[in-house]
Structure formats: structure tokens, C-alpha cells
PDB file of N, CA and C in Angstrom:
ATOM      1  N   MET A   1     -11.334   5.940 -18.252  1.00  0.00           N
ATOM      2  CA  MET A   1     -10.248   6.925 -18.584  1.00  0.00           C
ATOM      3  C   MET A   1      -9.989   8.387 -18.931  1.00  0.00           C
ATOM      4  N   ILE A   2      -9.115   8.432 -18.729  1.00  0.00           N
ATOM      5  CA  ILE A   2      -8.824  10.027 -18.848  1.00  0.00           C
ATOM      6  C   ILE A   2      -8.543  10.859 -19.687  1.00  0.00           C
ATOM      7  N   GLU A   3     -10.180  11.941 -19.706  1.00  0.00           N
ATOM      8  CA  GLU A   3     -10.412  12.817 -20.935  1.00  0.00           C
ATOM      9  C   GLU A   3      -8.680  14.355 -21.193  1.00  0.00           C
ATOM     10  N   LYS A   4      -8.228  14.172 -22.099  1.00  0.00           N
ATOM     11  CA  LYS A   4      -7.888  15.372 -22.355  1.00  0.00           C
ATOM     12  C   LYS A   4      -8.120  16.340 -22.365  1.00  0.00           C
ATOM     13  N   THR A   5      -8.079  17.535 -21.391  1.00  0.00           N
ATOM     14  CA  THR A   5      -9.061  18.804 -21.499  1.00  0.00           C
ATOM     15  C   THR A   5      -7.867  19.702 -21.103  1.00  0.00           C
ATOM     16  N   GLY A   6      -8.434  21.281 -21.204  1.00  0.00           N
ATOM     17  CA  GLY A   6      -7.777  22.318 -21.553  1.00  0.00           C
ATOM     18  C   GLY A   6      -6.773  22.042 -19.913  1.00  0.00           C
ATOM     19  N   ARG A   7      -7.567  21.795 -19.017  1.00  0.00           N
ATOM     20  CA  ARG A   7      -7.174  22.112 -17.555  1.00  0.00           C
ATOM     21  C   ARG A   7      -6.829  20.173 -16.717  1.00  0.00           C
ATOM     22  N   ALA A   8      -5.943  20.703 -15.978  1.00  0.00           N
ATOM     23  CA  ALA A   8      -5.376  19.153 -15.588  1.00  0.00           C
ATOM     24  C   ALA A   8      -6.388  18.573 -14.575  1.00  0.00           C
ATOM     25  N   SER A   9      -7.295  18.020 -14.389  1.00  0.00           N
ATOM     26  CA  SER A   9      -7.851  17.031 -13.524  1.00  0.00           C
ATOM     27  C   SER A   9      -7.681  16.271 -12.505  1.00  0.00           C
ATOM     28  N   VAL A  10      -7.780  16.361 -11.192  1.00  0.00           N
ATOM     29  CA  VAL A  10      -7.239  15.903 -10.046  1.00  0.00           C
ATOM     30  C   VAL A  10      -6.753  14.204  -9.903  1.00  0.00           C
ATOM     31  N   LEU A  11      -7.476  13.738 -11.275  1.00  0.00           N
ATOM     32  CA  LEU A  11      -7.543  12.485 -11.247  1.00  0.00           C
ATOM     33  C   LEU A  11      -6.231  11.779 -12.454  1.00  0.00           C
ATOM     34  N   SER A  12      -6.266  13.031 -13.319  1.00  0.00           N
ATOM     35  CA  SER A  12      -5.013  13.054 -14.295  1.00  0.00           C
ATOM     36  C   SER A  12      -3.585  13.557 -13.434  1.00  0.00           C
ATOM     37  N   ILE A  13      -3.726  14.228 -12.486  1.00  0.00           N
ATOM     38  CA  ILE A  13      -2.453  14.348 -11.595  1.00  0.00           C
ATOM     39  C   ILE A  13      -1.919  13.115 -11.006  1.00  0.00           C
ATOM     40  N   TYR A  14      -3.226  12.769  -9.958  1.00  0.00           N
ATOM     41  CA  TYR A  14      -3.224  11.234  -9.398  1.00  0.00           C
ATOM     42  C   TYR A  14      -2.634  10.515 -10.014  1.00  0.00           C
ATOM     43  N   ALA A  15      -3.253  10.353 -11.284  1.00  0.00           N
ATOM     44  CA  ALA A  15      -2.712   9.223 -12.530  1.00  0.00           C
ATOM     45  C   ALA A  15      -1.031   9.268 -12.557  1.00  0.00           C
ATOM     46  N   ASP A  16      -0.695  10.449 -12.731  1.00  0.00           N
ATOM     47  CA  ASP A  16       0.695  10.787 -13.180  1.00  0.00           C
ATOM     48  C   ASP A  16       1.619  10.140 -12.210  1.00  0.00           C
ATOM     49  N   LEU A  17       1.146   9.539 -10.970  1.00  0.00           N
ATOM     50  CA  LEU A  17       1.943   9.137  -9.939  1.00  0.00           C
ATOM     51  C   LEU A  17       2.473   7.606  -9.745  1.00  0.00           C
ATOM     52  N   PHE A  18       1.378   7.289 -10.930  1.00  0.00           N
ATOM     53  CA  PHE A  18       1.745   5.444 -11.147  1.00  0.00           C
ATOM     54  C   PHE A  18       2.763   4.919 -12.293  1.00  0.00           C
ATOM     55  N   ARG A  19       3.103   4.254 -12.115  1.00  0.00           N
ATOM     56  CA  ARG A  19       3.999   3.810 -13.205  1.00  0.00           C
ATOM     57  C   ARG A  19       3.325   3.585 -14.445  1.00  0.00           C
ATOM     58  N   HIS A  20       1.996   2.855 -14.276  1.00  0.00           N
ATOM     59  CA  HIS A  20       0.983   2.486 -15.415  1.00  0.00           C
ATOM     60  C   HIS A  20      -0.649   2.741 -15.125  1.00  0.00           C
ATOM     61  N   ARG A  21      -1.062   3.327 -16.298  1.00  0.00           N
ATOM     62  CA  ARG A  21      -2.127   4.151 -16.157  1.00  0.00           C
ATOM     63  C   ARG A  21      -3.238   2.691 -15.693  1.00  0.00           C
ATOM     64  N   ASP A  22      -3.178   1.779 -15.630  1.00  0.00           N
ATOM     65  CA  ASP A  22      -4.294   1.032 -16.127  1.00  0.00           C
ATOM     66  C   ASP A  22      -4.069   0.248 -14.476  1.00  0.00           C
ATOM     67  N   GLY A  23      -2.936   0.887 -13.748  1.00  0.00           N
ATOM     68  CA  GLY A  23      -3.365   0.348 -12.541  1.00  0.00           C
ATOM     69  C   GLY A  23      -3.052   1.480 -11.328  1.00  0.00           C
ATOM     70  N   VAL A  24      -3.903   3.217 -11.780  1.00  0.00           N
ATOM     71  CA  VAL A  24      -4.172   3.526 -11.159  1.00  0.00           C
ATOM     72  C   VAL A  24      -5.209   2.893 -10.013  1.00  0.00           C
ATOM     73  N   PHE A  25      -6.624   2.090 -10.642  1.00  0.00           N
ATOM     74  CA  PHE A  25      -7.560   1.846  -9.714  1.00  0.00           C
ATOM     75  C   PHE A  25      -7.251   0.983  -8.876  1.00  0.00           C
ATOM     76  N   PRO A  26      -6.857  -0.112  -9.439  1.00  0.00           N
ATOM     77  CA  PRO A  26      -6.365  -1.238  -8.440  1.00  0.00           C
ATOM     78  C   PRO A  26      -5.315  -0.813  -7.468  1.00  0.00           C
ATOM     79  N   ASN A  27      -4.608  -0.476  -7.250  1.00  0.00           N
ATOM     80  CA  ASN A  27      -3.574   0.219  -6.444  1.00  0.00           C
ATOM     81  C   ASN A  27      -3.902   1.065  -5.837  1.00  0.00           C
ATOM     82  N   THR A  28      -4.664   1.871  -6.103  1.00  0.00           N
ATOM     83  CA  THR A  28      -5.364   2.700  -5.109  1.00  0.00           C
ATOM     84  C   THR A  28      -6.028   1.861  -4.143  1.00  0.00           C
ATOM     85  N   VAL A  29      -6.969   1.428  -4.381  1.00  0.00           N
ATOM     86  CA  VAL A  29      -7.656   0.264  -3.691  1.00  0.00           C
ATOM     87  C   VAL A  29      -7.178  -0.325  -2.582  1.00  0.00           C
ATOM     88  N   ALA A  30      -6.324  -0.577  -3.592  1.00  0.00           N
ATOM     89  CA  ALA A  30      -5.565  -2.101  -2.563  1.00  0.00           C
ATOM     90  C   ALA A  30      -4.687  -0.848  -1.429  1.00  0.00           C
ATOM     91  N   ILE A  31      -4.034   0.080  -1.776  1.00  0.00           N
ATOM     92  CA  ILE A  31      -3.752   0.892  -0.494  1.00  0.00           C
ATOM     93  C   ILE A  31      -4.110   1.652   0.170  1.00  0.00           C
ATOM     94  N   GLY A  32      -5.427   2.067   0.073  1.00  0.00           N
ATOM     95  CA  GLY A  32      -6.680   2.510   0.749  1.00  0.00           C
ATOM     96  C   GLY A  32      -7.333   1.395   1.509  1.00  0.00           C
ATOM     97  N   TYR A  33      -7.281   0.488   0.728  1.00  0.00           N
ATOM     98  CA  TYR A  33      -8.014  -1.001   1.690  1.00  0.00           C
ATOM     99  C   TYR A  33      -7.046  -1.264   2.716  1.00  0.00           C
ATOM    100  N   ALA A  34      -5.618  -1.619   2.675  1.00  0.00           N
ATOM    101  CA  ALA A  34      -4.680  -1.640   3.563  1.00  0.00           C
ATOM    102  C   ALA A  34      -4.410  -0.893   4.757  1.00  0.00           C
ATOM    103  N   LEU A  35      -4.792   0.481   4.081  1.00  0.00           N
ATOM    104  CA  LEU A  35      -5.204   1.755   5.408  1.00  0.00           C
ATOM    105  C   LEU A  35      -5.879   1.523   6.209  1.00  0.00           C
ATOM    106  N   ALA A  36      -6.732   2.204   5.470  1.00  0.00           N
ATOM    107  CA  ALA A  36      -8.530   2.028   6.186  1.00  0.00           C
ATOM    108  C   ALA A  36      -8.755   0.326   6.812  1.00  0.00           C
ATOM    109  N   GLY A  37      -8.523  -0.783   6.199  1.00  0.00           N
ATOM    110  CA  GLY A  37      -8.849  -1.771   7.020  1.00  0.00           C
ATOM    111  C   GLY A  37      -7.842  -1.722   8.023  1.00  0.00           C
ATOM    112  N   TYR A  38      -6.901  -1.823   8.175  1.00  0.00           N
ATOM    113  CA  TYR A  38      -5.938  -1.300   9.566  1.00  0.00           C
ATOM    114  C   TYR A  38      -6.589  -0.703  10.539  1.00  0.00           C
ATOM    115  N   VAL A  39      -7.172   0.118  10.019  1.00  0.00           N
ATOM    116  CA  VAL A  39      -7.824   0.864  10.748  1.00  0.00           C
ATOM    117  C   VAL A  39      -9.260   0.650  11.796  1.00  0.00           C
ATOM    118  N   LEU A  40     -10.074   0.552  10.706  1.00  0.00           N
ATOM    119  CA  LEU A  40     -11.304  -0.191  11.031  1.00  0.00           C
ATOM    120  C   LEU A  40     -10.532  -1.641  11.984  1.00  0.00           C
ATOM    121  N   ALA A  41     -10.075  -2.400  11.952  1.00  0.00           N
ATOM    122  CA  ALA A  41      -9.704  -3.227  12.425  1.00  0.00           C
ATOM    123  C   ALA A  41      -9.385  -3.554  13.959  1.00  0.00           C
ATOM    124  N   LEU A  42      -8.863  -2.149  13.624  1.00  0.00           N
ATOM    125  CA  LEU A  42      -8.303  -1.780  15.188  1.00  0.00           C
ATOM    126  C   LEU A  42      -9.728  -1.194  16.080  1.00  0.00           C
ATOM    127  N   PHE A  43     -10.621  -0.561  15.661  1.00  0.00           N
ATOM    128  CA  PHE A  43     -11.708  -0.293  16.406  1.00  0.00           C
ATOM    129  C   PHE A  43     -12.779  -1.649  16.062  1.00  0.00           C
ATOM    130  N   LEU A  44     -12.694  -2.566  15.672  1.00  0.00           N
ATOM    131  CA  LEU A  44     -13.236  -3.614  15.598  1.00  0.00           C
ATOM    132  C   LEU A  44     -13.020  -4.673  17.043  1.00  0.00           C
ATOM    133  N   LEU A  45     -11.924  -4.366  16.912  1.00  0.00           N
ATOM    134  CA  LEU A  45     -10.690  -5.449  18.037  1.00  0.00           C
ATOM    135  C   LEU A  45     -10.940  -4.574  19.743  1.00  0.00           C
ATOM    136  N   ALA A  46     -11.436  -3.461  19.467  1.00  0.00           N
ATOM    137  CA  ALA A  46     -11.711  -3.182  20.545  1.00  0.00           C
ATOM    138  C   ALA A  46     -13.029  -3.589  21.285  1.00  0.00           C
ATOM    139  N   GLY A  47     -13.787  -3.785  20.591  1.00  0.00           N
ATOM    140  CA  GLY A  47     -15.236  -4.565  20.804  1.00  0.00           C
ATOM    141  C   GLY A  47     -15.279  -6.203  21.575  1.00  0.00           C
ATOM    142  N   HIS A  48     -16.486  -6.881  21.191  1.00  0.00           N
ATOM    143  CA  HIS A  48     -16.263  -8.543  21.538  1.00  0.00           C
ATOM    144  C   HIS A  48     -17.310  -8.825  20.438  1.00  0.00           C
ATOM    145  N   GLY A  49     -17.458  -9.953  21.177  1.00  0.00           N
ATOM    146  CA  GLY A  49     -18.180 -10.692  20.049  1.00  0.00           C
ATOM    147  C   GLY A  49     -17.687 -10.855  18.546  1.00  0.00           C
ATOM    148  N   ILE A  50     -18.974 -10.987  17.478  1.00  0.00           N
ATOM    149  CA  ILE A  50     -18.498 -10.939  16.214  1.00  0.00           C
ATOM    150  C   ILE A  50     -18.025  -9.817  15.523  1.00  0.00           C
ATOM    151  N   GLY A  51     -17.998  -8.566  16.224  1.00  0.00           N
ATOM    152  CA  GLY A  51     -17.587  -7.762  15.635  1.00  0.00           C
ATOM    153  C   GLY A  51     -15.694  -7.883  16.136  1.00  0.00           C
ATOM    154  N   PHE A  52     -15.349  -8.432  17.123  1.00  0.00           N
ATOM    155  CA  PHE A  52     -14.156  -8.844  17.438  1.00  0.00           C
ATOM    156  C   PHE A  52     -13.930  -9.934  16.331  1.00  0.00           C
ATOM    157  N   LEU A  53     -14.023 -10.771  16.247  1.00  0.00           N
ATOM    158  CA  LEU A  53     -13.546 -11.861  15.574  1.00  0.00           C
ATOM    159  C   LEU A  53     -13.701 -10.973  13.834  1.00  0.00           C
ATOM    160  N   LEU A  54     -14.362 -10.192  13.793  1.00  0.00           N
ATOM    161  CA  LEU A  54     -14.341  -9.352  12.342  1.00  0.00           C
ATOM    162  C   LEU A  54     -13.143  -8.656  12.204  1.00  0.00           C
ATOM    163  N   GLY A  55     -12.831  -8.452  13.242  1.00  0.00           N
ATOM    164  CA  GLY A  55     -11.772  -7.286  13.341  1.00  0.00           C
ATOM    165  C   GLY A  55     -10.004  -8.210  13.111  1.00  0.00           C
ATOM    166  N   ILE A  56     -10.104  -9.520  13.593  1.00  0.00           N
ATOM    167  CA  ILE A  56      -9.069 -10.265  13.649  1.00  0.00           C
ATOM    168  C   ILE A  56      -9.013 -10.586  12.080  1.00  0.00           C
ATOM    169  N   VAL A  57      -9.659 -11.264  11.342  1.00  0.00           N
ATOM    170  CA  VAL A  57      -9.873 -11.174  10.160  1.00  0.00           C
ATOM    171  C   VAL A  57      -9.236 -10.007   9.303  1.00  0.00           C
ATOM    172  N   LEU A  58     -10.137  -8.949   9.413  1.00  0.00           N
ATOM    173  CA  LEU A  58     -10.265  -7.859   8.757  1.00  0.00           C
ATOM    174  C   LEU A  58      -8.273  -7.108   8.570  1.00  0.00           C
ATOM    175  N   LEU A  59      -8.028  -7.743  10.154  1.00  0.00           N
ATOM    176  CA  LEU A  59      -6.474  -7.148  10.447  1.00  0.00           C
ATOM    177  C   LEU A  59      -5.499  -8.068   9.710  1.00  0.00           C
ATOM    178  N   ALA A  60      -6.013  -9.788   9.525  1.00  0.00           N
ATOM    179  CA  ALA A  60      -4.934 -10.004   9.177  1.00  0.00           C
ATOM    180  C   ALA A  60      -4.948  -9.852   7.638  1.00  0.00           C
ATOM    181  N   HIS A  61      -5.892  -9.932   7.321  1.00  0.00           N
ATOM    182  CA  HIS A  61      -5.978  -9.966   5.592  1.00  0.00           C
ATOM    183  C   HIS A  61      -5.387  -7.991   4.884  1.00  0.00           C
ATOM    184  N   SER A  62      -6.133  -7.215   5.880  1.00  0.00           N
ATOM    185  CA  SER A  62      -5.196  -6.088   5.665  1.00  0.00           C
ATOM    186  C   SER A  62      -3.621  -5.825   5.621  1.00  0.00           C
ATOM    187  N   LEU A  63      -3.323  -6.854   6.701  1.00  0.00           N
ATOM    188  CA  LEU A  63      -1.510  -6.786   6.943  1.00  0.00           C
ATOM    189  C   LEU A  63      -1.175  -7.793   5.572  1.00  0.00           C
ATOM    190  N   VAL A  64      -1.497  -8.225   5.125  1.00  0.00           N
ATOM    191  CA  VAL A  64      -0.902  -9.167   3.846  1.00  0.00           C
ATOM    192  C   VAL A  64      -1.411  -8.114   3.000  1.00  0.00           C
ATOM    193  N   ILE A  65      -2.078  -7.538   2.605  1.00  0.00           N
ATOM    194  CA  ILE A  65      -2.187  -6.610   1.424  1.00  0.00           C
ATOM    195  C   ILE A  65      -1.244  -5.669   1.640  1.00  0.00           C
ATOM    196  N   ALA A  66      -1.139  -5.226   2.573  1.00  0.00           N
ATOM    197  CA  ALA A  66       0.004  -4.199   3.380  1.00  0.00           C
ATOM    198  C   ALA A  66       1.843  -4.535   2.866  1.00  0.00           C
ATOM    199  N   ALA A  67       1.667  -5.694   3.395  1.00  0.00           N
ATOM    200  CA  ALA A  67       3.145  -6.777   3.004  1.00  0.00           C
ATOM    201  C   ALA A  67       3.311  -7.138   1.387  1.00  0.00           C
ATOM    202  N   TYR A  68       2.364  -7.003   0.507  1.00  0.00           N
ATOM    203  CA  TYR A  68       1.882  -7.353  -0.703  1.00  0.00           C
ATOM    204  C   TYR A  68       2.521  -6.226  -1.112  1.00  0.00           C
ATOM    205  N   LEU A  69       2.103  -4.904  -1.122  1.00  0.00           N
ATOM    206  CA  LEU A  69       2.071  -3.562  -1.932  1.00  0.00           C
ATOM    207  C   LEU A  69       3.976  -3.561  -0.686  1.00  0.00           C
ATOM    208  N   ILE A  70       4.513  -3.940   0.122  1.00  0.00           N
ATOM    209  CA  ILE A  70       5.391  -3.531  -0.096  1.00  0.00           C
ATOM    210  C   ILE A  70       6.406  -4.140  -0.677  1.00  0.00           C
ATOM    211  N   HIS A  71       6.472  -5.416  -1.137  1.00  0.00           N
ATOM    212  CA  HIS A  71       6.953  -5.960  -1.725  1.00  0.00           C
ATOM    213  C   HIS A  71       7.036  -5.246  -3.229  1.00  0.00           C
ATOM    214  N   GLU A  72       5.960  -4.861  -3.999  1.00  0.00           N
ATOM    215  CA  GLU A  72       5.702  -4.647  -4.895  1.00  0.00           C
ATOM    216  C   GLU A  72       6.291  -3.113  -5.034  1.00  0.00           C
ATOM    217  N   CYS A  73       6.742  -2.576  -3.665  1.00  0.00           N
ATOM    218  CA  CYS A  73       7.445  -0.634  -3.756  1.00  0.00           C
ATOM    219  C   CYS A  73       8.828  -1.476  -3.534  1.00  0.00           C
ATOM    220  N   SER A  74       9.031  -2.400  -3.758  1.00  0.00           N
ATOM    221  CA  SER A  74      10.711  -3.325  -3.092  1.00  0.00           C
ATOM    222  C   SER A  74      11.192  -3.306  -4.645  1.00  0.00           C
ATOM    223  N   HIS A  75      10.450  -3.546  -5.270  1.00  0.00           N
ATOM    224  CA  HIS A  75      10.624  -3.458  -6.840  1.00  0.00           C
ATOM    225  C   HIS A  75      10.379  -2.639  -7.943  1.00  0.00           C
ATOM    226  N   GLY A  76       9.695  -1.478  -7.304  1.00  0.00           N
ATOM    227  CA  GLY A  76       9.254   0.021  -7.773  1.00  0.00           C
ATOM    228  C   GLY A  76       8.162  -0.382  -8.861  1.00  0.00           C
ATOM    229  N   SER A  77       7.285  -1.328  -8.785  1.00  0.00           N
ATOM    230  CA  SER A  77       6.614  -1.574 -10.096  1.00  0.00           C
ATOM    231  C   SER A  77       5.258  -0.630  -9.756  1.00  0.00           C
ATOM    232  N   LEU A  78       4.925   0.133  -8.995  1.00  0.00           N
ATOM    233  CA  LEU A  78       3.842   1.010  -8.505  1.00  0.00           C
ATOM    234  C   LEU A  78       3.899   2.184  -9.327  1.00  0.00           C
ATOM    235  N   PHE A  79       4.788   3.084  -8.895  1.00  0.00           N
ATOM    236  CA  PHE A  79       5.054   4.449  -8.895  1.00  0.00           C
ATOM    237  C   PHE A  79       5.879   4.707  -9.747  1.00  0.00           C
ATOM    238  N   ARG A  80       5.922   6.064 -10.470  1.00  0.00           N
ATOM    239  CA  ARG A  80       6.926   6.251 -11.329  1.00  0.00           C
ATOM    240  C   ARG A  80       8.334   6.681 -10.666  1.00  0.00           C
ATOM    241  N   GLU A  81       7.873   7.415  -9.921  1.00  0.00           N
ATOM    242  CA  GLU A  81       9.279   7.898  -8.525  1.00  0.00           C
ATOM    243  C   GLU A  81       9.936   6.586  -7.386  1.00  0.00           C
ATOM    244  N   GLN A  82      11.214   6.609  -7.367  1.00  0.00           N
ATOM    245  CA  GLN A  82      11.310   5.866  -6.286  1.00  0.00           C
ATOM    246  C   GLN A  82      10.947   6.266  -5.032  1.00  0.00           C
ATOM    247  N   ARG A  83      10.695   7.801  -4.737  1.00  0.00           N
ATOM    248  CA  ARG A  83      10.737   8.247  -3.669  1.00  0.00           C
ATOM    249  C   ARG A  83       9.393   7.927  -3.079  1.00  0.00           C
ATOM    250  N   HIS A  84       8.386   8.312  -3.913  1.00  0.00           N
ATOM    251  CA  HIS A  84       6.902   7.317  -3.511  1.00  0.00           C
ATOM    252  C   HIS A  84       7.093   5.799  -3.553  1.00  0.00           C
ATOM    253  N   HIS A  85       7.656   5.341  -3.861  1.00  0.00           N
ATOM    254  CA  HIS A  85       7.963   3.715  -3.464  1.00  0.00           C
ATOM    255  C   HIS A  85       8.358   3.688  -2.075  1.00  0.00           C
ATOM    256  N   ALA A  86       9.630   4.264  -1.496  1.00  0.00           N
ATOM    257  CA  ALA A  86      10.089   4.619  -0.240  1.00  0.00           C
ATOM    258  C   ALA A  86       8.895   4.910   0.715  1.00  0.00           C
ATOM    259  N   TRP A  87       8.141   6.119   0.616  1.00  0.00           N
ATOM    260  CA  TRP A  87       7.156   6.926   1.463  1.00  0.00           C
ATOM    261  C   TRP A  87       6.509   5.764   1.766  1.00  0.00           C
ATOM    262  N   LEU A  88       5.770   4.918   1.099  1.00  0.00           N
ATOM    263  CA  LEU A  88       4.407   4.101   0.970  1.00  0.00           C
ATOM    264  C   LEU A  88       4.888   2.848   1.619  1.00  0.00           C
ATOM    265  N   ALA A  89       6.206   2.607   1.370  1.00  0.00           N
ATOM    266  CA  ALA A  89       6.786   1.144   1.956  1.00  0.00           C
ATOM    267  C   ALA A  89       7.350   1.443   3.921  1.00  0.00           C
ATOM    268  N   ARG A  90       7.384   2.861   4.308  1.00  0.00           N
ATOM    269  CA  ARG A  90       7.830   3.082   5.029  1.00  0.00           C
ATOM    270  C   ARG A  90       6.450   3.004   5.717  1.00  0.00           C
ATOM    271  N   ILE A  91       5.825   3.722   5.508  1.00  0.00           N
ATOM    272  CA  ILE A  91       4.154   3.883   5.942  1.00  0.00           C
ATOM    273  C   ILE A  91       3.611   2.670   6.092  1.00  0.00           C
ATOM    274  N   LEU A  92       3.950   1.537   5.480  1.00  0.00           N
ATOM    275  CA  LEU A  92       3.185   0.332   5.368  1.00  0.00           C
ATOM    276  C   LEU A  92       4.141  -0.989   6.194  1.00  0.00           C
ATOM    277  N   SER A  93       5.744  -0.443   6.586  1.00  0.00           N
ATOM    278  CA  SER A  93       6.591  -0.820   7.102  1.00  0.00           C
ATOM    279  C   SER A  93       5.896  -1.021   9.043  1.00  0.00           C
ATOM    280  N   TRP A  94       5.396   0.294   9.106  1.00  0.00           N
ATOM    281  CA  TRP A  94       5.028   0.479  10.672  1.00  0.00           C
ATOM    282  C   TRP A  94       3.931  -0.144  10.918  1.00  0.00           C
ATOM    283  N   LEU A  95       3.020  -0.367  10.200  1.00  0.00           N
ATOM    284  CA  LEU A  95       1.636  -0.680  10.139  1.00  0.00           C
ATOM    285  C   LEU A  95       1.994  -2.760  10.099  1.00  0.00           C
ATOM    286  N   THR A  96       3.208  -3.482   9.215  1.00  0.00           N
ATOM    287  CA  THR A  96       3.314  -4.504   9.609  1.00  0.00           C
ATOM    288  C   THR A  96       4.119  -4.987  10.425  1.00  0.00           C
ATOM    289  N   GLY A  97       4.738  -3.847  11.014  1.00  0.00           N
ATOM    290  CA  GLY A  97       5.947  -4.475  12.434  1.00  0.00           C
ATOM    291  C   GLY A  97       7.318  -4.638  11.296  1.00  0.00           C
ATOM    292  N   ALA A  98       7.402  -4.272  10.080  1.00  0.00           N
ATOM    293  CA  ALA A  98       8.723  -4.346   9.831  1.00  0.00           C
ATOM    294  C   ALA A  98       9.695  -2.843   9.742  1.00  0.00           C
ATOM    295  N   CYS A  99       9.043  -2.177  11.207  1.00  0.00           N
ATOM    296  CA  CYS A  99       9.716  -0.871  10.923  1.00  0.00           C
ATOM    297  C   CYS A  99      11.023  -0.921  11.879  1.00  0.00           C
ATOM    298  N   TYR A 100      11.150  -2.121  11.693  1.00  0.00           N
ATOM    299  CA  TYR A 100      12.651  -1.875  12.501  1.00  0.00           C
ATOM    300  C   TYR A 100      13.830  -2.575  12.023  1.00  0.00           C
ATOM    301  N   GLY A 101      13.541  -2.471  10.568  1.00  0.00           N
ATOM    302  CA  GLY A 101      14.755  -2.654   9.483  1.00  0.00           C
ATOM    303  C   GLY A 101      14.468  -1.306   8.585  1.00  0.00           C
ATOM    304  N   ASP A 102      15.420  -0.768   7.782  1.00  0.00           N
ATOM    305  CA  ASP A 102      15.116   0.490   7.304  1.00  0.00           C
ATOM    306  C   ASP A 102      15.160  -0.121   6.005  1.00  0.00           C
ATOM    307  N   VAL A 103      14.114   0.682   4.903  1.00  0.00           N
ATOM    308  CA  VAL A 103      12.983  -0.088   3.716  1.00  0.00           C
ATOM    309  C   VAL A 103      14.194  -0.453   3.013  1.00  0.00           C
ATOM    310  N   ASP A 104      15.089   0.906   2.615  1.00  0.00           N
ATOM    311  CA  ASP A 104      16.347   0.344   1.524  1.00  0.00           C
ATOM    312  C   ASP A 104      16.777  -0.948   1.920  1.00  0.00           C
ATOM    313  N   ARG A 105      17.261  -1.073   2.770  1.00  0.00           N
ATOM    314  CA  ARG A 105      18.253  -2.264   3.424  1.00  0.00           C
ATOM    315  C   ARG A 105      17.047  -3.704   2.691  1.00  0.00           C
ATOM    316  N   ILE A 106      15.937  -3.526   3.654  1.00  0.00           N
ATOM    317  CA  ILE A 106      15.014  -4.253   3.103  1.00  0.00           C
ATOM    318  C   ILE A 106      14.651  -4.776   1.634  1.00  0.00           C
ATOM    319  N   ARG A 107      14.920  -3.450   0.837  1.00  0.00           N
ATOM    320  CA  ARG A 107      14.382  -3.878  -0.587  1.00  0.00           C
ATOM    321  C   ARG A 107      16.173  -4.316  -0.982  1.00  0.00           C
ATOM    322  N   ASP A 108      16.930  -3.823  -0.682  1.00  0.00           N
ATOM    323  CA  ASP A 108      18.174  -4.523  -1.643  1.00  0.00           C
ATOM    324  C   ASP A 108      17.724  -5.711  -0.789  1.00  0.00           C
ATOM    325  N   LYS A 109      17.998  -5.703   0.472  1.00  0.00           N
ATOM    326  CA  LYS A 109      18.232  -7.613   0.482  1.00  0.00           C
ATOM    327  C   LYS A 109      16.955  -8.653  -0.119  1.00  0.00           C
ATOM    328  N   HIS A 110      15.935  -8.061  -0.215  1.00  0.00           N
ATOM    329  CA  HIS A 110      14.718  -8.677  -1.311  1.00  0.00           C
ATOM    330  C   HIS A 110      15.536  -8.906  -2.420  1.00  0.00           C
ATOM    331  N   LEU A 111      15.991  -7.403  -3.248  1.00  0.00           N
ATOM    332  CA  LEU A 111      16.139  -7.788  -4.565  1.00  0.00           C
ATOM    333  C   LEU A 111      17.451  -8.541  -4.860  1.00  0.00           C
ATOM    334  N   ARG A 112      18.114  -9.067  -3.544  1.00  0.00           N
ATOM    335  CA  ARG A 112      19.213  -9.794  -3.896  1.00  0.00           C
ATOM    336  C   ARG A 112      18.663 -11.135  -4.251  1.00  0.00           C
ATOM    337  N   HIS A 113      17.860 -11.566  -4.034  1.00  0.00           N
ATOM    338  CA  HIS A 113      17.456 -13.524  -3.652  1.00  0.00           C
ATOM    339  C   HIS A 113      17.005 -13.390  -5.195  1.00  0.00           C
ATOM    340  N   HIS A 114      16.744 -12.344  -6.158  1.00  0.00           N
ATOM    341  CA  HIS A 114      15.974 -12.744  -7.203  1.00  0.00           C
ATOM    342  C   HIS A 114      17.265 -12.663  -8.013  1.00  0.00           C
ATOM    343  N   PHE A 115      18.602 -12.654  -7.768  1.00  0.00           N
ATOM    344  CA  PHE A 115      19.785 -12.688  -9.049  1.00  0.00           C
ATOM    345  C   PHE A 115      20.760 -13.518  -8.590  1.00  0.00           C
TER     346      PHE A 115
END
């Protein structure tokens, strides 16, 4: 829980980015895992043996999490402002290979299937 003090803490400023305060920790972990997992997986894939196999599993899993986060960004469910959704979705789309399509177009196309 974030304490109310006379000065703004880094956590409270960061927490204000997210739509829901109870989503700060799990969403931060998921975003960090997707990004760090991708980078670590690339290093593991440069090796051989068990490290290479772990790199395959980590890369696959971090890309699934990244795709899930892109999906959440398309629904606008993570952050308070749409520009933050667009920013994160653009970064993650480069990791997942969806960078060939415009993020706004992907979002609009995805949301159409809900109606």
C-alpha cells in the first residue's frame, strides 16, 4: 500500500500510470518479465546444451506474455492513458514480430471482433 506523505514517492508516481492500483505489481512484473526474459533468452540461445534449451523455453514464454500484454493494451486495461498503451504495444510488437502492422490498426481490428 502506498502511504500518503507530504512528498510524492517514486512508487506513487509510477502507480499513477496504471489504471488500477492493485495492478501495479503484477503488471510491472509481467512487463519486466517479457522484456528481461526476451533479452536473457537471446543470451542463452547464443550458447549450447541445456542453456540453449532453456533459452528456447524462456523466449517462447516471454513472447507469449508479451503478446498477452499487447492484447491488454489493445483493450486499454493496463494504463490510465492511451498513449502509454500505444507506447508499450509498439515496443512489444517489435519483440513478437507484429511490428509489420500499425499498433492502432491492430487494436481497431482486434476490437471489432468483440462487437
